[in-house]
Protein backbone atom coordinates (compact mmCIF):
# COMPACT_ATOMS: atom_id res chain seq x y z
CA UNK A 1 -39.90 6.14 -56.29
CA UNK A 2 -36.68 4.57 -57.51
CA UNK A 3 -34.88 6.30 -54.67
CA UNK A 4 -36.99 4.41 -52.13
CA UNK A 5 -36.37 1.14 -53.90
CA UNK A 6 -32.66 1.85 -53.84
CA UNK A 7 -32.81 2.71 -50.11
CA UNK A 8 -34.50 -0.59 -49.31
CA UNK A 9 -31.91 -2.48 -51.38
CA UNK A 10 -29.13 -0.72 -49.50
CA UNK A 11 -30.78 -1.48 -46.16
CA UNK A 12 -31.06 -5.15 -47.08
CA UNK A 13 -27.42 -5.29 -48.14
CA UNK A 14 -26.28 -3.50 -44.97
CA UNK A 15 -27.85 -6.06 -42.65
CA UNK A 16 -25.92 -9.29 -42.33
CA UNK A 17 -27.98 -12.35 -43.09
CA UNK A 18 -29.31 -14.06 -39.97
CA UNK A 19 -28.05 -17.47 -39.08
CA UNK A 20 -30.73 -20.17 -39.27
CA UNK A 21 -30.77 -20.54 -35.45
CA UNK A 22 -31.06 -16.77 -34.92
CA UNK A 23 -33.78 -16.58 -37.55
CA UNK A 24 -35.71 -19.38 -35.82
CA UNK A 25 -35.38 -17.60 -32.43
CA UNK A 26 -36.62 -14.38 -33.99
CA UNK A 27 -39.46 -16.30 -35.61
CA UNK A 28 -40.34 -18.00 -32.31
CA UNK A 29 -40.30 -14.67 -30.54
CA UNK A 30 -42.56 -13.26 -33.20
CA UNK A 31 -44.93 -16.20 -32.83
CA UNK A 32 -44.95 -15.72 -29.04
CA UNK A 33 -45.57 -12.02 -29.46
CA UNK A 34 -48.30 -12.76 -31.96
CA UNK A 35 -49.90 -15.26 -29.58
CA UNK A 36 -49.80 -12.72 -26.74
CA UNK A 37 -51.32 -10.11 -29.02
CA UNK A 38 -54.00 -12.57 -30.10
CA UNK A 39 -54.83 -13.34 -26.46
CA UNK A 40 -55.08 -9.65 -25.63
CA UNK A 41 -57.37 -9.09 -28.62
CA UNK A 42 -59.58 -12.03 -27.61
CA UNK A 43 -59.79 -10.68 -24.04
CA UNK A 44 -60.62 -7.21 -25.36
CA UNK A 45 -63.34 -8.62 -27.64
CA UNK A 46 -64.81 -10.61 -24.73
CA UNK A 47 -64.67 -7.56 -22.50
CA UNK A 48 -66.48 -5.44 -25.10
CA UNK A 49 -69.05 -8.21 -25.64
CA UNK A 50 -69.69 -8.50 -21.88
CA UNK A 51 -69.92 -4.74 -21.46
CA UNK A 52 -72.39 -4.48 -24.35
CA UNK A 53 -74.51 -7.23 -22.81
CA UNK A 54 -74.39 -5.50 -19.42
CA UNK A 55 -75.32 -2.19 -21.03
CA UNK A 56 -78.25 -3.79 -22.87
CA UNK A 57 -79.44 -5.40 -19.63
CA UNK A 58 -79.16 -2.09 -17.78
CA UNK A 59 -81.06 -0.27 -20.51
CA UNK A 60 -83.78 -2.94 -20.37
CA UNK A 61 -84.05 -2.61 -16.57
CA UNK A 62 -84.21 1.17 -16.90
CA UNK A 63 -86.97 0.91 -19.50
CA UNK A 64 -88.97 -1.47 -17.26
CA UNK A 65 -88.48 0.83 -14.28
CA UNK A 66 -89.69 3.79 -16.32
CA UNK A 67 -92.80 1.88 -17.40
CA UNK A 68 -93.47 0.87 -13.78
CA UNK A 69 -93.02 4.47 -12.69
CA UNK A 70 -95.57 5.67 -15.22
CA UNK A 71 -97.96 2.92 -14.16
CA UNK A 72 -97.65 3.82 -10.46
CA UNK A 73 -97.82 7.60 -10.82
CA UNK A 74 -101.65 7.76 -10.70
CA UNK A 75 -101.71 5.51 -7.64
CA UNK A 76 -99.11 7.66 -5.89
CA UNK A 77 -101.12 10.79 -6.64
CA UNK A 78 -104.29 9.14 -5.34
CA UNK A 79 -102.56 8.06 -2.13
CA UNK A 80 -101.11 11.55 -1.63
CA UNK A 81 -104.60 13.02 -1.94
CA UNK A 82 -105.93 10.48 0.58
CA UNK A 83 -103.17 11.36 3.03
CA UNK A 84 -104.00 15.05 2.70
CA UNK A 85 -107.70 14.34 3.28
CA UNK A 86 -106.92 12.18 6.32
CA UNK A 87 -104.71 14.92 7.78
CA UNK A 88 -107.48 17.46 7.35
CA UNK A 89 -109.93 15.05 8.98
CA UNK A 90 -107.49 14.38 11.84
CA UNK A 91 -107.13 18.12 12.46
CA UNK A 92 -110.91 18.49 12.53
CA UNK A 93 -111.27 15.61 14.99
CA UNK A 94 -108.52 17.08 17.15
CA UNK A 95 -110.29 20.43 17.25
CA UNK A 96 -113.59 18.77 18.20
CA UNK A 97 -111.91 16.76 20.97
CA UNK A 98 -110.23 19.91 22.30
CA UNK A 99 -113.63 21.68 22.39
CA UNK A 100 -115.19 18.75 24.22
CA UNK A 101 -112.35 18.69 26.74
CA UNK A 102 -112.78 22.43 27.32
CA UNK A 103 -116.49 21.89 27.91
CA UNK A 104 -115.72 19.10 30.40
CA UNK A 105 -113.21 21.31 32.18
CA UNK A 106 -115.84 24.05 32.40
CA UNK A 107 -118.34 21.62 33.99
CA UNK A 108 -115.89 20.55 36.69
CA UNK A 109 -115.37 24.09 37.95
């Protein structure tokens, strides 16, 4: 541990002291860098906040759509059954009409 303390003392002694103007420029640069970093962090936080809100809204819409789907499933099944029944009825009517037309054709001969 004393070796590390000695190394830091040597490193401090090896660097020439900064002039007050150079130190102020370095400090200003650090403040500018810090401000830029702060802005990036604020933008990242806002982005995460907006994405979380969008995700929550999407999850809510999905949940409502799922509920609506479950509510409409019986109606869809009922309508499908009605369509099948109407198709069967249509086929029966078509067959009857074809028989009647054949009978009319037979009378004309």
